[in-house]
PDB file of all heavy atoms in Angstrom:
ATOM      1  N   ALA A   1      13.137  -4.125  -3.475  1.00  0.00           N
ATOM      2  CA  ALA A   1      13.538  -5.237  -2.589  1.00  0.00           C
ATOM      3  C   ALA A   1      14.532  -6.040  -3.378  1.00  0.00           C
ATOM      4  O   ALA A   1      14.763  -5.848  -4.610  1.00  0.00           O
ATOM      5  CB  ALA A   1      12.392  -6.042  -2.189  1.00  0.00           C
ATOM      6  N   GLN A   2      15.136  -6.972  -2.717  1.00  0.00           N
ATOM      7  CA  GLN A   2      16.138  -7.898  -3.411  1.00  0.00           C
ATOM      8  C   GLN A   2      15.324  -8.775  -4.414  1.00  0.00           C
ATOM      9  O   GLN A   2      15.811  -9.162  -5.415  1.00  0.00           O
ATOM     10  CB  GLN A   2      16.900  -8.739  -2.485  1.00  0.00           C
ATOM     11  CG  GLN A   2      17.948  -7.905  -1.713  1.00  0.00           C
ATOM     12  CD  GLN A   2      18.790  -8.755  -0.809  1.00  0.00           C
ATOM     13  OE1 GLN A   2      18.330  -9.827  -0.316  1.00  0.00           O
ATOM     14  NE2 GLN A   2      20.049  -8.270  -0.554  1.00  0.00           N
ATOM     15  N   HIS A   3      14.057  -9.164  -4.005  1.00  0.00           N
ATOM     16  CA  HIS A   3      13.232 -10.037  -4.816  1.00  0.00           C
ATOM     17  C   HIS A   3      11.859  -9.490  -5.085  1.00  0.00           C
ATOM     18  O   HIS A   3      11.311  -8.735  -4.172  1.00  0.00           O
ATOM     19  CB  HIS A   3      13.130 -11.394  -4.117  1.00  0.00           C
ATOM     20  CG  HIS A   3      14.423 -12.024  -3.865  1.00  0.00           C
ATOM     21  ND1 HIS A   3      15.217 -12.581  -4.844  1.00  0.00           N
ATOM     22  CD2 HIS A   3      15.309 -12.145  -2.656  1.00  0.00           C
ATOM     23  CE1 HIS A   3      16.453 -12.997  -4.358  1.00  0.00           C
ATOM     24  NE2 HIS A   3      16.417 -12.776  -3.054  1.00  0.00           N
ATOM     25  N   ARG A   4      11.250  -9.811  -6.148  1.00  0.00           N
ATOM     26  CA  ARG A   4       9.988  -9.172  -6.534  1.00  0.00           C
ATOM     27  C   ARG A   4       8.812  -9.536  -5.595  1.00  0.00           C
ATOM     28  O   ARG A   4       7.968  -8.611  -5.420  1.00  0.00           O
ATOM     29  CB  ARG A   4       9.588  -9.670  -7.947  1.00  0.00           C
ATOM     30  CG  ARG A   4       9.198 -11.160  -8.120  1.00  0.00           C
ATOM     31  CD  ARG A   4       8.893 -11.521  -9.573  1.00  0.00           C
ATOM     32  NE  ARG A   4       8.589 -12.928  -9.655  1.00  0.00           N
ATOM     33  CZ  ARG A   4       9.499 -13.833  -9.832  1.00  0.00           C
ATOM     34  NH1 ARG A   4      10.802 -13.526 -10.022  1.00  0.00           N
ATOM     35  NH2 ARG A   4       9.228 -15.112  -9.900  1.00  0.00           N
ATOM     36  N   SER A   5       8.756 -10.643  -4.943  1.00  0.00           N
ATOM     37  CA  SER A   5       7.585 -10.953  -4.111  1.00  0.00           C
ATOM     38  C   SER A   5       7.477  -9.951  -2.933  1.00  0.00           C
ATOM     39  O   SER A   5       6.391  -9.467  -2.612  1.00  0.00           O
ATOM     40  CB  SER A   5       7.562 -12.372  -3.668  1.00  0.00           C
ATOM     41  OG  SER A   5       8.688 -12.655  -2.838  1.00  0.00           O
ATOM     42  N   ALA A   6       8.570  -9.599  -2.301  1.00  0.00           N
ATOM     43  CA  ALA A   6       8.633  -8.652  -1.232  1.00  0.00           C
ATOM     44  C   ALA A   6       8.219  -7.341  -1.718  1.00  0.00           C
ATOM     45  O   ALA A   6       7.378  -6.576  -0.999  1.00  0.00           O
ATOM     46  CB  ALA A   6       9.934  -8.619  -0.591  1.00  0.00           C
ATOM     47  N   ALA A   7       8.623  -6.889  -2.888  1.00  0.00           N
ATOM     48  CA  ALA A   7       8.294  -5.527  -3.375  1.00  0.00           C
ATOM     49  C   ALA A   7       6.811  -5.498  -3.728  1.00  0.00           C
ATOM     50  O   ALA A   7       6.094  -4.508  -3.412  1.00  0.00           O
ATOM     51  CB  ALA A   7       9.157  -5.263  -4.631  1.00  0.00           C
ATOM     52  N   PHE A   8       6.278  -6.503  -4.400  1.00  0.00           N
ATOM     53  CA  PHE A   8       4.802  -6.600  -4.729  1.00  0.00           C
ATOM     54  C   PHE A   8       3.958  -6.558  -3.382  1.00  0.00           C
ATOM     55  O   PHE A   8       3.035  -5.744  -3.269  1.00  0.00           O
ATOM     56  CB  PHE A   8       4.472  -7.902  -5.364  1.00  0.00           C
ATOM     57  CG  PHE A   8       4.659  -7.753  -6.890  1.00  0.00           C
ATOM     58  CD1 PHE A   8       5.585  -8.545  -7.467  1.00  0.00           C
ATOM     59  CD2 PHE A   8       3.760  -7.106  -7.665  1.00  0.00           C
ATOM     60  CE1 PHE A   8       5.696  -8.482  -8.926  1.00  0.00           C
ATOM     61  CE2 PHE A   8       3.880  -7.029  -9.037  1.00  0.00           C
ATOM     62  CZ  PHE A   8       4.920  -7.703  -9.615  1.00  0.00           C
ATOM     63  N   ASP A   9       4.359  -7.401  -2.383  1.00  0.00           N
ATOM     64  CA  ASP A   9       3.632  -7.419  -1.126  1.00  0.00           C
ATOM     65  C   ASP A   9       3.627  -6.051  -0.346  1.00  0.00           C
ATOM     66  O   ASP A   9       2.608  -5.553   0.147  1.00  0.00           O
ATOM     67  CB  ASP A   9       4.111  -8.508  -0.210  1.00  0.00           C
ATOM     68  CG  ASP A   9       3.897  -9.869  -0.853  1.00  0.00           C
ATOM     69  OD1 ASP A   9       2.927 -10.050  -1.651  1.00  0.00           O
ATOM     70  OD2 ASP A   9       4.521 -10.815  -0.305  1.00  0.00           O
ATOM     71  N   ALA A  10       4.782  -5.396  -0.388  1.00  0.00           N
ATOM     72  CA  ALA A  10       4.930  -4.126   0.338  1.00  0.00           C
ATOM     73  C   ALA A  10       4.130  -3.032  -0.358  1.00  0.00           C
ATOM     74  O   ALA A  10       3.479  -2.203   0.233  1.00  0.00           O
ATOM     75  CB  ALA A  10       6.420  -3.706   0.386  1.00  0.00           C
ATOM     76  N   CYS A  11       4.175  -3.008  -1.711  1.00  0.00           N
ATOM     77  CA  CYS A  11       3.410  -2.057  -2.471  1.00  0.00           C
ATOM     78  C   CYS A  11       1.903  -2.209  -2.209  1.00  0.00           C
ATOM     79  O   CYS A  11       1.183  -1.229  -1.961  1.00  0.00           O
ATOM     80  CB  CYS A  11       3.737  -2.198  -3.948  1.00  0.00           C
ATOM     81  SG  CYS A  11       3.278  -0.803  -4.892  1.00  0.00           S
ATOM     82  N   ARG A  12       1.495  -3.382  -2.249  1.00  0.00           N
ATOM     83  CA  ARG A  12       0.013  -3.704  -1.991  1.00  0.00           C
ATOM     84  C   ARG A  12      -0.366  -3.281  -0.579  1.00  0.00           C
ATOM     85  O   ARG A  12      -1.440  -2.707  -0.299  1.00  0.00           O
ATOM     86  CB  ARG A  12      -0.278  -5.209  -2.275  1.00  0.00           C
ATOM     87  CG  ARG A  12      -1.718  -5.411  -2.032  1.00  0.00           C
ATOM     88  CD  ARG A  12      -2.165  -6.861  -2.285  1.00  0.00           C
ATOM     89  NE  ARG A  12      -3.580  -6.826  -2.498  1.00  0.00           N
ATOM     90  CZ  ARG A  12      -4.165  -7.368  -3.514  1.00  0.00           C
ATOM     91  NH1 ARG A  12      -3.500  -7.949  -4.543  1.00  0.00           N
ATOM     92  NH2 ARG A  12      -5.489  -7.363  -3.618  1.00  0.00           N
ATOM     93  N   TYR A  13       0.543  -3.630   0.399  1.00  0.00           N
ATOM     94  CA  TYR A  13       0.243  -3.254   1.746  1.00  0.00           C
ATOM     95  C   TYR A  13       0.061  -1.731   1.966  1.00  0.00           C
ATOM     96  O   TYR A  13      -0.942  -1.221   2.580  1.00  0.00           O
ATOM     97  CB  TYR A  13       1.362  -3.771   2.695  1.00  0.00           C
ATOM     98  CG  TYR A  13       1.149  -3.494   4.182  1.00  0.00           C
ATOM     99  CD1 TYR A  13       0.372  -4.278   4.967  1.00  0.00           C
ATOM    100  CD2 TYR A  13       1.780  -2.323   4.732  1.00  0.00           C
ATOM    101  CE1 TYR A  13       0.243  -3.979   6.269  1.00  0.00           C
ATOM    102  CE2 TYR A  13       1.585  -2.027   6.074  1.00  0.00           C
ATOM    103  CZ  TYR A  13       0.733  -2.869   6.835  1.00  0.00           C
ATOM    104  OH  TYR A  13       0.589  -2.534   8.160  1.00  0.00           O
ATOM    105  N   VAL A  14       1.010  -0.970   1.357  1.00  0.00           N
ATOM    106  CA  VAL A  14       0.911   0.456   1.491  1.00  0.00           C
ATOM    107  C   VAL A  14      -0.410   1.027   0.887  1.00  0.00           C
ATOM    108  O   VAL A  14      -0.964   1.876   1.508  1.00  0.00           O
ATOM    109  CB  VAL A  14       2.229   1.150   0.908  1.00  0.00           C
ATOM    110  CG1 VAL A  14       2.037   2.694   0.870  1.00  0.00           C
ATOM    111  CG2 VAL A  14       3.407   0.755   1.670  1.00  0.00           C
ATOM    112  N   ILE A  15      -0.715   0.662  -0.297  1.00  0.00           N
ATOM    113  CA  ILE A  15      -1.898   1.224  -0.890  1.00  0.00           C
ATOM    114  C   ILE A  15      -3.155   0.735  -0.154  1.00  0.00           C
ATOM    115  O   ILE A  15      -4.073   1.581   0.131  1.00  0.00           O
ATOM    116  CB  ILE A  15      -2.068   0.930  -2.405  1.00  0.00           C
ATOM    117  CG1 ILE A  15      -3.213   1.734  -3.046  1.00  0.00           C
ATOM    118  CG2 ILE A  15      -2.246  -0.556  -2.689  1.00  0.00           C
ATOM    119  CD1 ILE A  15      -3.030   3.288  -2.899  1.00  0.00           C
ATOM    120  N   ASP A  16      -3.267  -0.493   0.278  1.00  0.00           N
ATOM    121  CA  ASP A  16      -4.382  -0.987   1.019  1.00  0.00           C
ATOM    122  C   ASP A  16      -4.615  -0.265   2.395  1.00  0.00           C
ATOM    123  O   ASP A  16      -5.651   0.224   2.740  1.00  0.00           O
ATOM    124  CB  ASP A  16      -4.380  -2.505   1.220  1.00  0.00           C
ATOM    125  CG  ASP A  16      -4.612  -3.281  -0.019  1.00  0.00           C
ATOM    126  OD1 ASP A  16      -5.033  -2.663  -1.073  1.00  0.00           O
ATOM    127  OD2 ASP A  16      -4.385  -4.475  -0.045  1.00  0.00           O
ATOM    128  N   GLU A  17      -3.445  -0.121   3.108  1.00  0.00           N
ATOM    129  CA  GLU A  17      -3.500   0.459   4.377  1.00  0.00           C
ATOM    130  C   GLU A  17      -3.648   2.001   4.305  1.00  0.00           C
ATOM    131  O   GLU A  17      -4.383   2.627   5.113  1.00  0.00           O
ATOM    132  CB  GLU A  17      -2.227   0.279   5.137  1.00  0.00           C
ATOM    133  CG  GLU A  17      -2.085  -1.197   5.612  1.00  0.00           C
ATOM    134  CD  GLU A  17      -3.120  -1.651   6.608  1.00  0.00           C
ATOM    135  OE1 GLU A  17      -3.363  -0.919   7.628  1.00  0.00           O
ATOM    136  OE2 GLU A  17      -3.823  -2.653   6.338  1.00  0.00           O
ATOM    137  N   SER A  18      -3.177   2.617   3.271  1.00  0.00           N
ATOM    138  CA  SER A  18      -3.419   4.046   3.018  1.00  0.00           C
ATOM    139  C   SER A  18      -4.844   4.361   2.769  1.00  0.00           C
ATOM    140  O   SER A  18      -5.456   5.260   3.421  1.00  0.00           O
ATOM    141  CB  SER A  18      -2.644   4.568   1.772  1.00  0.00           C
ATOM    142  OG  SER A  18      -1.204   4.488   2.109  1.00  0.00           O
ATOM    143  N   LYS A  19      -5.589   3.504   1.967  1.00  0.00           N
ATOM    144  CA  LYS A  19      -6.971   3.716   1.717  1.00  0.00           C
ATOM    145  C   LYS A  19      -7.799   3.490   2.995  1.00  0.00           C
ATOM    146  O   LYS A  19      -8.848   4.203   3.195  1.00  0.00           O
ATOM    147  CB  LYS A  19      -7.480   2.841   0.662  1.00  0.00           C
ATOM    148  CG  LYS A  19      -6.905   3.178  -0.735  1.00  0.00           C
ATOM    149  CD  LYS A  19      -7.591   2.548  -1.886  1.00  0.00           C
ATOM    150  CE  LYS A  19      -8.920   2.922  -2.179  1.00  0.00           C
ATOM    151  NZ  LYS A  19      -9.260   4.175  -2.729  1.00  0.00           N
ATOM    152  N   ALA A  20      -7.367   2.615   3.850  1.00  0.00           N
ATOM    153  CA  ALA A  20      -8.076   2.329   5.107  1.00  0.00           C
ATOM    154  C   ALA A  20      -7.819   3.301   6.270  1.00  0.00           C
ATOM    155  O   ALA A  20      -8.680   3.606   7.023  1.00  0.00           O
ATOM    156  CB  ALA A  20      -7.803   0.941   5.598  1.00  0.00           C
ATOM    157  N   ARG A  21      -6.605   3.832   6.284  1.00  0.00           N
ATOM    158  CA  ARG A  21      -6.207   4.658   7.503  1.00  0.00           C
ATOM    159  C   ARG A  21      -5.948   6.121   7.345  1.00  0.00           C
ATOM    160  O   ARG A  21      -5.920   6.801   8.269  1.00  0.00           O
ATOM    161  CB  ARG A  21      -4.929   3.963   8.043  1.00  0.00           C
ATOM    162  CG  ARG A  21      -5.155   2.655   8.592  1.00  0.00           C
ATOM    163  CD  ARG A  21      -3.921   1.787   8.842  1.00  0.00           C
ATOM    164  NE  ARG A  21      -2.843   2.374   9.466  1.00  0.00           N
ATOM    165  CZ  ARG A  21      -1.660   1.884   9.646  1.00  0.00           C
ATOM    166  NH1 ARG A  21      -1.415   0.641   9.239  1.00  0.00           N
ATOM    167  NH2 ARG A  21      -0.675   2.458  10.270  1.00  0.00           N
ATOM    168  N   LEU A  22      -5.782   6.542   6.106  1.00  0.00           N
ATOM    169  CA  LEU A  22      -5.348   7.994   5.916  1.00  0.00           C
ATOM    170  C   LEU A  22      -6.534   8.881   5.971  1.00  0.00           C
ATOM    171  O   LEU A  22      -7.606   8.585   5.409  1.00  0.00           O
ATOM    172  CB  LEU A  22      -4.526   8.206   4.635  1.00  0.00           C
ATOM    173  CG  LEU A  22      -3.222   7.478   4.549  1.00  0.00           C
ATOM    174  CD1 LEU A  22      -2.486   7.911   3.210  1.00  0.00           C
ATOM    175  CD2 LEU A  22      -2.340   7.825   5.787  1.00  0.00           C
ATOM    176  N   PRO A  23      -6.469  10.042   6.611  1.00  0.00           N
ATOM    177  CA  PRO A  23      -7.542  11.039   6.574  1.00  0.00           C
ATOM    178  C   PRO A  23      -7.591  11.771   5.271  1.00  0.00           C
ATOM    179  O   PRO A  23      -7.184  13.014   5.239  1.00  0.00           O
ATOM    180  CB  PRO A  23      -7.266  11.918   7.845  1.00  0.00           C
ATOM    181  CG  PRO A  23      -5.783  11.859   7.960  1.00  0.00           C
ATOM    182  CD  PRO A  23      -5.349  10.463   7.499  1.00  0.00           C
ATOM    183  N   ILE A  24      -7.980  11.100   4.234  1.00  0.00           N
ATOM    184  CA  ILE A  24      -8.146  11.680   2.927  1.00  0.00           C
ATOM    185  C   ILE A  24      -9.499  11.353   2.408  1.00  0.00           C
ATOM    186  O   ILE A  24      -9.953  10.228   2.527  1.00  0.00           O
ATOM    187  CB  ILE A  24      -7.021  11.130   1.921  1.00  0.00           C
ATOM    188  CG1 ILE A  24      -5.599  11.439   2.412  1.00  0.00           C
ATOM    189  CG2 ILE A  24      -7.308  11.606   0.467  1.00  0.00           C
ATOM    190  CD1 ILE A  24      -4.504  10.798   1.575  1.00  0.00           C
ATOM    191  N   TRP A  25     -10.196  12.440   1.932  1.00  0.00           N
ATOM    192  CA  TRP A  25     -11.596  12.255   1.495  1.00  0.00           C
ATOM    193  C   TRP A  25     -11.707  12.556   0.054  1.00  0.00           C
ATOM    194  O   TRP A  25     -11.021  13.448  -0.514  1.00  0.00           O
ATOM    195  CB  TRP A  25     -12.544  13.153   2.356  1.00  0.00           C
ATOM    196  CG  TRP A  25     -12.306  12.789   3.770  1.00  0.00           C
ATOM    197  CD1 TRP A  25     -12.944  11.738   4.423  1.00  0.00           C
ATOM    198  CD2 TRP A  25     -11.484  13.484   4.684  1.00  0.00           C
ATOM    199  NE1 TRP A  25     -12.603  11.835   5.747  1.00  0.00           N
ATOM    200  CE2 TRP A  25     -11.742  12.830   5.935  1.00  0.00           C
ATOM    201  CE3 TRP A  25     -10.696  14.551   4.685  1.00  0.00           C
ATOM    202  CZ2 TRP A  25     -11.072  13.173   7.142  1.00  0.00           C
ATOM    203  CZ3 TRP A  25     -10.009  14.967   5.853  1.00  0.00           C
ATOM    204  CH2 TRP A  25     -10.193  14.286   7.027  1.00  0.00           C
ATOM    205  N   LYS A  26     -12.546  11.875  -0.664  1.00  0.00           N
ATOM    206  CA  LYS A  26     -12.710  11.978  -2.113  1.00  0.00           C
ATOM    207  C   LYS A  26     -14.137  12.322  -2.445  1.00  0.00           C
ATOM    208  O   LYS A  26     -15.040  11.630  -2.169  1.00  0.00           O
ATOM    209  CB  LYS A  26     -12.275  10.676  -2.822  1.00  0.00           C
ATOM    210  CG  LYS A  26     -12.414  10.546  -4.237  1.00  0.00           C
ATOM    211  CD  LYS A  26     -11.796   9.395  -4.825  1.00  0.00           C
ATOM    212  CE  LYS A  26     -12.310   8.094  -4.359  1.00  0.00           C
ATOM    213  NZ  LYS A  26     -11.772   6.870  -5.168  1.00  0.00           N
ATOM    214  N   ARG A  27     -14.257  13.386  -3.270  1.00  0.00           N
ATOM    215  CA  ARG A  27     -15.554  13.790  -3.841  1.00  0.00           C
ATOM    216  C   ARG A  27     -15.520  13.660  -5.350  1.00  0.00           C
ATOM    217  O   ARG A  27     -14.667  14.314  -5.946  1.00  0.00           O
ATOM    218  CB  ARG A  27     -15.955  15.136  -3.394  1.00  0.00           C
ATOM    219  CG  ARG A  27     -17.313  15.571  -3.917  1.00  0.00           C
ATOM    220  CD  ARG A  27     -17.802  16.942  -3.453  1.00  0.00           C
ATOM    221  NE  ARG A  27     -16.840  17.911  -3.876  1.00  0.00           N
ATOM    222  CZ  ARG A  27     -16.720  19.159  -3.266  1.00  0.00           C
ATOM    223  NH1 ARG A  27     -17.490  19.463  -2.251  1.00  0.00           N
ATOM    224  NH2 ARG A  27     -15.800  19.918  -3.740  1.00  0.00           N
TER     225      ARG A  27
END
């Protein structure tokens, strides 16, 4: 992003939503 806060927020959003929504299972 142009500025760090947007890049931090987007990165956190993607990992948090991925863990909650993706059909990926871990053993």
